[in-house]
C-alpha cells in the first residue's frame, strides 16, 4: 500500500496500483500457465578447464532452458533462479518476502511498443531461496519423534544447469558444509558417494554463485554485484572428514 500511495516500486517500468500488461491487473499479478523446459546432463564434470562458469550458463555445459534467469531446477520441476530479482541486489537486500523460497515475478510493466509482458516474461512461480516446504528440508525439521534424521547428509533438492546436484542445508553428521566461492564442495552425498555438489543455504548466494569448482575465481563470473560465497580459503574445498579413498 505504501508503494502504491507513494508512487514507488522496486521494479522498473511497473506502475504500482495499475495494470501492467498481460498477466497483471491493478490488484496484482495473475497466474499465467507457462512451461519451464530444462535439459540438464545429470553428471557434472569438475575437471573442465573452463571452470568456474557463469551460474546462468546452459549451452556450454550441454544443457538447454527456456527461462533465461534459471540456474537450475528443483525436484518438483520448478525453476531455481539466481540470488537477485529486483535489480542488481539480492532478494534479502531488496526485502522481498518469499513463500517457500519462491514467488511470482511481476511482468515488469508495459515496455514500448507493447503490449507484450516486460523483460521478465509473464508471471511465473520460481525459487530464489531455499524451498523449505519441500521434503528434503522437512526431513530435518519435523522432529525426531516424527522420523526426522537431522544428522544425515541433506537430501537432494534439485540440479544445477551444469549437472551437479543441489542438496539441503546439512552435511554428514548434521554439520555445516564447508563450500567454495561457488557454493559447492567435494564430499560424500546422501548415498555415501564422494562427488562435487552444491548445498542450499539461507544466505547469498542461496544455492550457487557460479558453476564450480570455483578455483578461487568466482568473482570473474559475476555480471555486476558479486554474489560469491566467502569460500573455504582454498581453490578446491573438501568437506572435513571426507575419506581419501
Protein backbone atom coordinates (compact mmCIF):
# COMPACT_ATOMS: atom_id res chain seq x y z
CA UNK A 1 0.00 0.00 0.00
CA UNK A 2 2.80 2.43 0.86
CA UNK A 3 4.46 1.79 -2.51
CA UNK A 4 1.18 2.38 -4.36
CA UNK A 5 0.41 5.59 -2.47
CA UNK A 6 3.98 6.84 -2.75
CA UNK A 7 4.26 6.01 -6.43
CA UNK A 8 7.39 3.93 -5.88
CA UNK A 9 8.11 0.32 -6.69
CA UNK A 10 11.13 -1.99 -6.69
CA UNK A 11 10.55 -2.99 -10.30
CA UNK A 12 11.43 -0.60 -13.17
CA UNK A 13 8.70 0.28 -15.66
CA UNK A 14 5.97 -1.10 -13.41
CA UNK A 15 3.25 1.24 -12.20
CA UNK A 16 2.01 0.18 -8.79
CA UNK A 17 -1.79 0.12 -8.48
CA UNK A 18 -2.31 -0.10 -12.24
CA UNK A 19 -2.48 -2.76 -14.92
CA UNK A 20 0.95 -3.65 -16.31
CA UNK A 21 0.32 -5.73 -19.37
CA UNK A 22 -0.64 -9.38 -19.87
CA UNK A 23 -0.57 -11.35 -16.67
CA UNK A 24 -1.32 -8.42 -14.41
CA UNK A 25 -4.16 -6.31 -13.11
CA UNK A 26 -4.36 -3.34 -10.79
CA UNK A 27 -4.69 -5.63 -7.77
CA UNK A 28 -1.60 -7.68 -8.58
CA UNK A 29 -0.32 -10.49 -10.77
CA UNK A 30 -2.49 -13.08 -12.43
CA UNK A 31 -1.21 -16.64 -12.52
CA UNK A 32 -0.43 -17.49 -16.13
CA UNK A 33 0.14 -21.10 -17.28
CA UNK A 34 3.66 -21.43 -18.66
CA UNK A 35 6.04 -24.33 -19.12
CA UNK A 36 9.64 -24.17 -17.99
CA UNK A 37 11.70 -26.56 -20.10
CA UNK A 38 15.10 -27.77 -18.96
CA UNK A 39 17.66 -30.19 -20.34
CA UNK A 40 20.40 -30.99 -17.84
CA UNK A 41 23.10 -33.63 -18.22
CA UNK A 42 22.90 -35.24 -14.78
CA UNK A 43 26.64 -35.78 -14.46
CA UNK A 44 28.76 -32.70 -13.85
CA UNK A 45 32.44 -32.59 -14.77
CA UNK A 46 34.59 -30.87 -12.08
CA UNK A 47 37.79 -31.21 -14.15
CA UNK A 48 36.69 -28.96 -17.02
CA UNK A 49 39.36 -26.42 -17.91
CA UNK A 50 36.79 -23.62 -18.22
CA UNK A 51 35.68 -23.73 -14.55
CA UNK A 52 34.30 -21.76 -12.85
CA UNK A 53 31.44 -20.92 -15.16
CA UNK A 54 28.61 -18.41 -15.20
CA UNK A 55 25.83 -19.62 -12.88
CA UNK A 56 23.23 -18.99 -15.61
CA UNK A 57 25.05 -20.83 -18.40
CA UNK A 58 23.41 -23.81 -20.05
CA UNK A 59 24.80 -24.22 -23.56
CA UNK A 60 28.47 -24.52 -22.57
CA UNK A 61 27.71 -27.42 -20.21
CA UNK A 62 25.43 -29.25 -22.65
CA UNK A 63 22.15 -28.02 -21.20
CA UNK A 64 19.11 -26.20 -22.52
CA UNK A 65 16.45 -23.99 -20.92
CA UNK A 66 13.71 -21.56 -21.91
CA UNK A 67 13.88 -19.47 -18.73
CA UNK A 68 16.99 -17.33 -19.01
CA UNK A 69 17.37 -16.46 -15.32
CA UNK A 70 17.34 -20.09 -14.17
CA UNK A 71 20.45 -21.59 -12.57
CA UNK A 72 18.85 -25.00 -12.10
CA UNK A 73 15.63 -26.85 -11.41
CA UNK A 74 14.12 -28.33 -8.23
CA UNK A 75 12.93 -31.92 -7.83
CA UNK A 76 9.32 -30.78 -8.37
CA UNK A 77 10.14 -29.19 -11.74
CA UNK A 78 10.06 -25.56 -10.58
CA UNK A 79 12.97 -23.44 -11.76
CA UNK A 80 15.65 -22.14 -9.41
CA UNK A 81 16.79 -18.63 -10.29
CA UNK A 82 19.75 -16.53 -9.19
CA UNK A 83 20.08 -14.57 -5.93
CA UNK A 84 18.64 -11.32 -7.29
CA UNK A 85 15.32 -10.23 -8.77
CA UNK A 86 14.72 -6.52 -8.13
CA UNK A 87 17.67 -5.05 -9.98
CA UNK A 88 21.23 -5.93 -9.03
CA UNK A 89 20.59 -6.56 -5.34
CA UNK A 90 19.83 -9.82 -3.55
CA UNK A 91 16.36 -10.95 -2.53
CA UNK A 92 17.12 -10.13 1.11
CA UNK A 93 18.62 -6.71 0.37
CA UNK A 94 15.52 -5.88 -1.69
CA UNK A 95 13.40 -7.04 1.27
CA UNK A 96 11.33 -9.35 -0.91
CA UNK A 97 9.31 -11.75 1.23
CA UNK A 98 9.14 -15.25 -0.22
CA UNK A 99 6.83 -18.16 0.49
CA UNK A 100 8.70 -21.49 0.35
CA UNK A 101 11.70 -19.64 -1.09
CA UNK A 102 9.89 -18.52 -4.20
CA UNK A 103 7.43 -16.05 -5.71
CA UNK A 104 5.74 -14.87 -8.87
CA UNK A 105 7.69 -12.14 -10.62
CA UNK A 106 5.69 -9.18 -11.95
CA UNK A 107 5.88 -8.75 -15.74
CA UNK A 108 7.89 -5.53 -15.19
CA UNK A 109 5.43 -3.27 -16.92
CA UNK A 110 4.45 -2.42 -20.47
CA UNK A 111 7.65 -1.92 -22.43
CA UNK A 112 7.10 0.05 -25.67
CA UNK A 113 5.82 -0.82 -28.17
CA UNK A 114 3.87 -3.42 -26.08
CA UNK A 115 1.53 -4.94 -25.25
CA UNK A 116 3.86 -7.90 -24.54
CA UNK A 117 4.94 -8.52 -20.93
CA UNK A 118 8.14 -6.89 -19.79
CA UNK A 119 11.61 -8.49 -19.83
CA UNK A 120 10.74 -10.94 -17.05
CA UNK A 121 8.03 -12.52 -19.18
CA UNK A 122 4.59 -13.49 -17.86
CA UNK A 123 4.28 -14.01 -14.10
CA UNK A 124 5.60 -17.47 -13.20
CA UNK A 125 6.38 -19.02 -9.83
CA UNK A 126 10.06 -19.82 -9.28
CA UNK A 127 12.53 -20.28 -6.43
CA UNK A 128 15.33 -17.96 -5.36
CA UNK A 129 15.97 -19.09 -1.80
CA UNK A 130 15.75 -22.49 -0.12
CA UNK A 131 12.36 -24.16 -0.82
CA UNK A 132 11.87 -25.24 2.79
CA UNK A 133 8.37 -26.63 2.13
CA UNK A 134 9.83 -29.43 0.02
CA UNK A 135 10.51 -32.86 1.50
CA UNK A 136 14.34 -32.57 1.56
CA UNK A 137 14.06 -29.75 4.11
CA UNK A 138 11.14 -31.13 6.09
CA UNK A 139 13.17 -34.28 6.79
CA UNK A 140 15.44 -32.45 9.20
CA UNK A 141 12.86 -30.12 10.71
CA UNK A 142 9.76 -32.16 11.55
CA UNK A 143 11.26 -33.57 14.75
CA UNK A 144 13.00 -36.84 15.55
CA UNK A 145 9.83 -38.35 17.04
CA UNK A 146 8.20 -37.94 13.61
CA UNK A 147 11.03 -39.61 11.71
CA UNK A 148 13.42 -36.73 11.06
CA UNK A 149 17.08 -37.60 10.57
CA UNK A 150 18.86 -34.28 11.15
CA UNK A 151 22.33 -35.82 11.40
CA UNK A 152 22.35 -37.28 7.94
CA UNK A 153 23.59 -35.52 4.81
CA UNK A 154 20.96 -33.19 3.37
CA UNK A 155 18.65 -34.70 0.79
CA UNK A 156 18.62 -33.88 -2.92
CA UNK A 157 16.52 -30.81 -3.75
CA UNK A 158 17.49 -30.22 -7.37
CA UNK A 159 20.14 -29.95 -10.06
CA UNK A 160 22.20 -27.01 -11.30
CA UNK A 161 22.42 -26.41 -15.06
CA UNK A 162 25.97 -27.86 -15.03
CA UNK A 163 24.64 -31.26 -13.91
CA UNK A 164 25.81 -31.12 -10.30
CA UNK A 165 23.30 -31.92 -7.56
CA UNK A 166 21.99 -29.37 -5.07
CA UNK A 167 21.29 -30.61 -1.54
CA UNK A 168 19.55 -29.27 1.55
CA UNK A 169 21.42 -27.48 4.32
CA UNK A 170 23.29 -30.03 6.41
CA UNK A 171 26.29 -32.23 5.69
CA UNK A 172 27.14 -35.61 7.20
CA UNK A 173 26.62 -35.53 10.97
CA UNK A 174 24.33 -32.54 10.70
CA UNK A 175 27.28 -30.14 10.41
CA UNK A 176 27.51 -27.13 8.13
CA UNK A 177 29.02 -27.84 4.71
CA UNK A 178 32.40 -26.21 4.01
CA UNK A 179 31.97 -24.84 0.49
CA UNK A 180 33.92 -22.90 -2.10
CA UNK A 181 33.08 -19.48 -3.55
CA UNK A 182 30.52 -21.03 -5.94
CA UNK A 183 28.71 -22.73 -3.06
CA UNK A 184 29.88 -26.30 -3.74
CA UNK A 185 32.45 -28.76 -2.47
CA UNK A 186 33.77 -32.32 -2.73
CA UNK A 187 32.43 -34.72 -0.15
CA UNK A 188 30.04 -37.60 0.47
CA UNK A 189 26.43 -37.11 -0.57
CA UNK A 190 23.32 -38.78 0.85
CA UNK A 191 24.21 -42.04 -0.91
CA UNK A 192 27.72 -42.06 0.56
CA UNK A 193 29.39 -41.45 -2.80
CA UNK A 194 32.03 -38.71 -2.91
CA UNK A 195 31.44 -36.09 -5.59
CA UNK A 196 31.31 -32.37 -6.20
CA UNK A 197 27.91 -30.89 -5.29
CA UNK A 198 26.18 -27.74 -4.05
CA UNK A 199 24.31 -27.01 -0.83
CA UNK A 200 21.38 -24.68 -0.37
CA UNK A 201 21.80 -22.04 2.35
CA UNK A 202 19.87 -19.19 3.93
CA UNK A 203 22.39 -16.53 2.88
CA UNK A 204 23.59 -15.27 -0.51
CA UNK A 205 24.06 -16.91 -2.97
CA UNK A 206 21.29 -19.21 -1.58
CA UNK A 207 22.27 -22.07 -3.93
CA UNK A 208 25.19 -21.28 -6.23
CA UNK A 209 27.02 -18.17 -7.38
CA UNK A 210 28.94 -19.85 -10.19
CA UNK A 211 29.32 -23.25 -11.76
CA UNK A 212 32.10 -24.86 -9.79
CA UNK A 213 34.60 -25.76 -8.64
CA UNK A 214 35.38 -22.10 -8.06
CA UNK A 215 39.21 -22.39 -8.03
CA UNK A 216 39.22 -19.00 -6.29
CA UNK A 217 37.92 -17.24 -9.41
CA UNK A 218 34.19 -16.86 -8.75
CA UNK A 219 34.36 -13.05 -8.97
CA UNK A 220 35.35 -13.30 -12.65
CA UNK A 221 31.98 -14.91 -13.47
CA UNK A 222 29.76 -12.23 -11.91
CA UNK A 223 27.68 -9.82 -14.00
CA UNK A 224 27.65 -6.87 -11.62
CA UNK A 225 27.13 -7.38 -7.91
CA UNK A 226 29.43 -10.06 -6.55
CA UNK A 227 27.24 -12.82 -5.05
CA UNK A 228 30.14 -15.22 -4.42
CA UNK A 229 30.28 -17.18 -1.18
CA UNK A 230 33.28 -16.31 1.07
CA UNK A 231 34.59 -19.81 0.39
CA UNK A 232 36.86 -22.03 2.46
CA UNK A 233 40.11 -20.16 1.77
CA UNK A 234 41.30 -22.64 -0.85
CA UNK A 235 40.75 -23.11 -4.58
CA UNK A 236 39.16 -26.52 -4.02
CA UNK A 237 37.10 -27.26 -0.91
CA UNK A 238 36.69 -30.73 0.58
CA UNK A 239 34.32 -31.42 3.44
CA UNK A 240 36.33 -32.18 6.62
CA UNK A 241 36.27 -35.89 7.41
CA UNK A 242 35.96 -36.96 3.79
CA UNK A 243 37.77 -40.24 3.09
CA UNK A 244 40.68 -40.16 0.62
CA UNK A 245 39.57 -43.50 -0.79
